[in-house]
Protein backbone atom coordinates (compact mmCIF):
# COMPACT_ATOMS: atom_id res chain seq x y z
CA MET A 1 42.99 -20.94 19.75
CA THR A 2 46.30 -19.32 20.72
CA ILE A 3 47.08 -16.11 22.58
CA ARG A 4 47.95 -14.26 19.37
CA HIS A 5 44.38 -14.86 18.09
CA LEU A 6 42.71 -13.11 21.03
CA PRO A 7 43.25 -9.48 19.89
CA ILE A 8 41.76 -10.39 16.51
CA LEU A 9 38.75 -12.04 18.17
CA LEU A 10 38.22 -9.10 20.52
CA ALA A 11 38.40 -6.60 17.68
CA ALA A 12 35.94 -8.62 15.60
CA VAL A 13 33.43 -8.89 18.44
CA LEU A 14 33.60 -5.20 19.33
CA ALA A 15 33.36 -4.15 15.69
CA SER A 16 30.51 -6.50 14.80
CA PRO A 17 27.14 -4.64 14.73
CA ALA A 18 25.35 -8.03 14.84
CA GLN A 19 26.71 -8.45 18.37
CA ALA A 20 25.89 -4.90 19.40
CA TRP A 21 22.10 -4.54 19.35
CA THR A 22 18.76 -6.28 19.76
CA THR A 23 15.21 -5.42 18.69
CA GLU A 24 12.98 -4.48 21.64
CA SER A 25 9.79 -3.06 20.10
CA LEU A 26 7.78 -3.23 16.87
CA ALA A 27 5.20 -0.61 15.90
CA ILE A 28 3.07 -1.83 12.99
CA THR A 29 2.02 1.02 10.73
CA GLY A 30 0.52 -0.80 7.73
CA GLY A 31 0.77 -3.69 5.34
CA SER A 32 -1.37 -5.88 3.11
CA MET A 33 -3.20 -9.22 2.95
CA THR A 34 -3.84 -11.08 -0.30
CA MET A 35 -5.95 -14.26 -0.36
CA HIS A 36 -5.64 -16.71 -3.26
CA ASN A 37 -5.75 -20.33 -4.29
CA ALA A 38 -3.68 -22.08 -6.95
CA THR A 39 -5.40 -20.26 -9.81
CA ASP A 40 -7.32 -17.21 -8.59
CA THR A 41 -6.93 -14.21 -6.27
CA PHE A 42 -9.91 -13.95 -3.94
CA GLY A 43 -9.10 -10.48 -2.60
CA SER A 44 -6.29 -8.06 -1.77
CA VAL A 45 -6.60 -5.37 0.90
CA SER A 46 -4.49 -2.86 2.82
CA VAL A 47 -3.88 -3.61 6.52
CA LEU A 48 -4.30 -0.82 9.07
CA PRO A 49 -2.78 -0.66 12.59
CA GLY A 50 -5.18 -1.37 15.46
CA PRO A 51 -5.13 -0.22 19.11
CA SER A 52 -2.59 -2.97 19.99
CA SER A 53 -0.28 -2.45 17.01
CA THR A 54 2.80 -1.84 19.20
CA LEU A 55 4.47 -5.10 20.30
CA ASP A 56 6.66 -4.53 23.34
CA ASP A 57 7.05 -6.67 26.49
CA GLY A 58 8.49 -3.74 28.47
CA MET A 59 11.88 -5.38 29.06
CA ILE A 60 15.31 -5.12 27.44
CA ASN A 61 15.72 -8.83 26.73
CA GLY A 62 16.10 -9.32 22.96
CA THR A 63 12.43 -10.19 22.37
CA VAL A 64 9.45 -8.05 21.50
CA ASP A 65 6.34 -9.68 22.97
CA ALA A 66 7.65 -12.48 25.16
CA ASP A 67 4.37 -13.32 26.89
CA GLY A 68 2.93 -14.48 23.56
CA VAL A 69 -0.55 -13.04 24.16
CA HIS A 70 -1.18 -9.62 22.70
CA GLY A 71 -4.35 -7.84 21.68
CA SER A 72 -7.84 -9.28 21.18
CA SER A 73 -10.76 -9.03 18.78
CA VAL A 74 -11.84 -5.99 20.82
CA ASN A 75 -8.35 -4.40 20.81
CA PRO A 76 -6.80 -5.82 17.64
CA VAL A 77 -3.21 -5.66 16.44
CA THR A 78 -4.39 -4.85 12.90
CA THR A 79 -7.75 -4.38 11.24
CA PHE A 80 -9.14 -4.04 7.72
CA MET A 81 -12.28 -4.60 5.66
CA PHE A 82 -12.63 -7.82 3.65
CA LEU A 83 -15.81 -8.56 1.67
CA GLY A 84 -17.41 -5.63 3.47
CA ILE A 85 -16.79 -7.09 6.95
CA PRO A 86 -13.93 -6.08 9.32
CA TRP A 87 -11.05 -8.44 10.11
CA LYS A 88 -9.44 -8.03 13.55
CA THR A 89 -6.11 -9.73 14.28
CA PHE A 90 -4.40 -10.58 17.58
CA PHE A 91 -1.91 -13.01 19.17
CA ALA A 92 -2.95 -15.93 21.43
CA HIS A 93 -1.70 -19.32 22.64
CA SER A 94 -4.94 -21.10 21.74
CA MET A 95 -8.37 -20.26 20.39
CA GLN A 96 -11.67 -22.17 20.21
CA THR A 97 -13.22 -21.79 16.78
CA PRO A 98 -17.00 -21.29 16.76
CA TRP A 99 -17.91 -23.94 14.17
CA THR A 100 -18.30 -27.68 14.91
CA CYS A 101 -15.31 -29.90 14.14
CA ASP A 102 -14.25 -33.50 14.68
CA PRO A 103 -11.77 -33.49 16.30
CA ASP A 104 -12.38 -30.32 18.31
CA CYS A 105 -11.35 -27.06 16.60
CA THR A 106 -9.28 -25.70 19.49
CA LEU A 107 -6.06 -24.44 17.94
CA THR A 108 -3.10 -24.53 20.32
CA VAL A 109 0.18 -22.80 19.56
CA SER A 110 3.32 -24.44 20.95
CA ASP A 111 6.50 -22.71 22.10
CA PRO A 112 8.40 -20.66 21.17
CA GLU A 113 5.73 -18.30 22.32
CA PRO A 114 3.96 -16.40 19.55
CA GLY A 115 5.04 -12.82 19.20
CA SER A 116 8.68 -13.53 20.02
CA VAL A 117 10.86 -11.65 17.54
CA THR A 118 14.60 -12.03 17.05
CA VAL A 119 16.96 -10.08 14.80
CA SER A 120 20.18 -11.17 13.13
CA GLY A 121 22.49 -9.69 10.52
CA THR A 122 24.63 -6.59 10.42
CA ALA A 123 23.81 -3.00 11.21
CA TRP A 124 23.88 -2.29 7.49
CA ASP A 125 21.40 -5.07 6.66
CA PRO A 126 19.08 -6.10 9.52
CA LEU A 127 17.58 -9.52 8.85
CA ILE A 128 14.38 -10.12 10.83
CA THR A 129 12.73 -13.41 11.75
CA ALA A 130 9.49 -13.50 13.75
CA ASP A 131 7.51 -16.36 15.24
CA PHE A 132 3.97 -15.23 14.38
CA SER A 133 2.54 -18.75 14.75
CA GLY A 134 -0.06 -17.50 17.24
CA PHE A 135 -1.51 -14.85 14.93
CA PHE A 136 -5.34 -15.18 14.81
CA THR A 137 -8.12 -13.18 13.22
CA GLU A 138 -11.81 -12.66 13.91
CA TRP A 139 -14.08 -12.27 10.86
CA ASN A 140 -17.87 -12.34 10.79
CA GLY A 141 -17.96 -14.22 14.11
CA ASN A 142 -15.37 -16.77 12.94
CA ILE A 143 -11.95 -16.98 14.60
CA PHE A 144 -9.23 -18.74 12.63
CA ARG A 145 -5.48 -18.94 12.56
CA GLN A 146 -3.47 -16.69 10.26
CA GLY A 147 -0.01 -17.21 11.72
CA GLY A 148 3.31 -18.37 10.33
CA GLN A 149 7.06 -17.93 10.50
CA ALA A 150 7.70 -14.41 9.24
CA SER A 151 10.91 -13.05 7.77
CA GLY A 152 12.00 -9.75 6.33
CA THR A 153 14.52 -6.94 6.29
CA GLY A 154 15.00 -3.52 7.80
CA THR A 155 16.48 -0.17 6.85
CA TRP A 156 18.11 2.01 9.48
CA ILE A 157 16.61 5.39 10.35
CA VAL A 158 18.99 5.92 13.28
CA GLU A 159 21.71 3.31 13.71
CA PRO A 160 22.36 2.32 17.35
CA THR A 161 25.85 2.63 18.82
CA PRO A 162 27.24 2.02 22.33
CA GLU A 163 27.28 5.80 22.73
CA SER A 164 23.70 6.48 21.56
CA THR A 165 22.29 3.32 23.25
CA SER A 166 19.27 2.94 20.95
CA GLY A 167 18.23 3.31 17.32
CA LEU A 168 15.30 2.98 14.91
CA TYR A 169 14.73 1.08 11.67
CA ASN A 170 11.88 0.55 9.25
CA PHE A 171 10.92 -3.09 8.74
CA SER A 172 8.90 -5.28 6.39
CA LEU A 173 7.83 -8.81 7.45
CA GLN A 174 6.20 -11.41 5.19
CA TRP A 175 4.62 -14.84 5.68
CA SER A 176 1.85 -17.06 4.27
CA ALA A 177 -0.97 -18.95 6.03
CA TYR A 178 -2.91 -21.82 4.46
CA HIS A 179 -6.56 -22.30 5.51
CA ASP A 180 -7.18 -26.02 5.97
CA PHE A 181 -10.72 -25.49 7.32
CA GLY A 182 -13.19 -22.71 8.03
CA PRO A 183 -14.82 -20.10 5.79
CA PHE A 184 -11.78 -19.78 3.48
CA GLN A 185 -10.79 -23.46 3.28
CA GLY A 186 -8.34 -24.18 0.49
CA PHE A 187 -7.12 -20.58 0.23
CA THR A 188 -3.78 -19.06 1.26
CA SER A 189 -3.32 -15.64 2.86
CA ASP A 190 -0.11 -13.78 2.01
CA TRP A 191 0.69 -11.23 4.72
CA VAL A 192 2.99 -8.21 4.72
CA LEU A 193 3.38 -6.06 7.83
CA THR A 194 5.43 -2.87 7.80
CA GLY A 195 6.42 -0.45 10.53
CA THR A 196 9.17 0.90 12.75
CA ALA A 197 11.31 -1.01 15.24
CA VAL A 198 13.39 0.09 18.24
CA ALA A 199 16.88 -1.38 18.55
CA VAL A 200 18.93 -1.22 21.75
CA VAL A 201 22.63 -1.82 22.36
CA PRO A 202 23.69 -3.73 25.50
CA GLU A 203 24.33 -1.86 28.74
CA PRO A 204 27.98 -1.36 29.79
CA GLU A 205 27.61 -4.30 32.19
CA THR A 206 26.95 -6.58 29.21
CA TRP A 207 30.18 -5.48 27.55
CA ALA A 208 32.00 -6.05 30.85
CA MET A 209 30.68 -9.64 30.99
CA LEU A 210 31.80 -10.17 27.39
CA LEU A 211 35.30 -8.91 28.12
CA ALA A 212 35.47 -11.03 31.28
CA GLY A 213 34.56 -14.08 29.22
CA LEU A 214 37.33 -13.28 26.75
CA GLY A 215 39.70 -12.95 29.70
CA LEU A 216 38.79 -16.46 30.84
CA VAL A 217 39.46 -17.75 27.33
CA ALA A 218 42.86 -16.05 27.36
CA ALA A 219 43.73 -17.56 30.74
CA ALA A 220 42.77 -21.02 29.54
CA ALA A 221 44.88 -20.58 26.43
CA ARG A 222 47.88 -19.57 28.57
CA ARG A 223 47.46 -22.65 30.77
CA ASN A 224 47.27 -24.90 27.73
CA ALA A 225 50.38 -23.29 26.25
CA SER A 226 52.39 -23.64 29.48
CA SER A 227 51.35 -27.27 29.98
CA ARG A 228 52.55 -28.42 26.55
CA PRO A 229 55.78 -30.45 26.64
CA ARG A 230 58.79 -28.65 25.23
């Protein structure tokens, strides 16, 4: 890269909304769950937010629930009725299922930690990916995994800018979970979660670090230019 390219790079970085904000909180307001196999639909229900439906680790760090453990069957993330019995969902690293298995039915979720949410795309088209691999549910005394790699899109309500600091957008996330054992063995659950997310632009110090980094690139380019034989 030469010196003449630096103004173009700087302008592109400062103008790029994808570089200007991160998602810091998700508030689930609804959704749906449909269970089916290859030929038949077993049931389709609306998902309601539970007491722990807001995912927020309390820090401005580009993730939503970085500790990976959120909610419980007592304080679920979402809840709904299925076959006349309530489902209660939550996030966890591992969970011991109550039925007998060989090998043992302890389900362990590996890093990245469940609940971690990242956002990419432009301010006009937020593209959302979420590691929901540690998403579990309790149903009729059975606890089984419902998680997967979620993806979706968002629509701005209030677009964040360096001047306004934060913004809001509506989101929709989708994923599927196959049940390889337990009470719904052989079925697949298709999940959709909808809600509102909080986006935050970096603090002025972050922009200062970015500009300092560009300054170092410029200095290196000058040194390379001056060291070339003429």
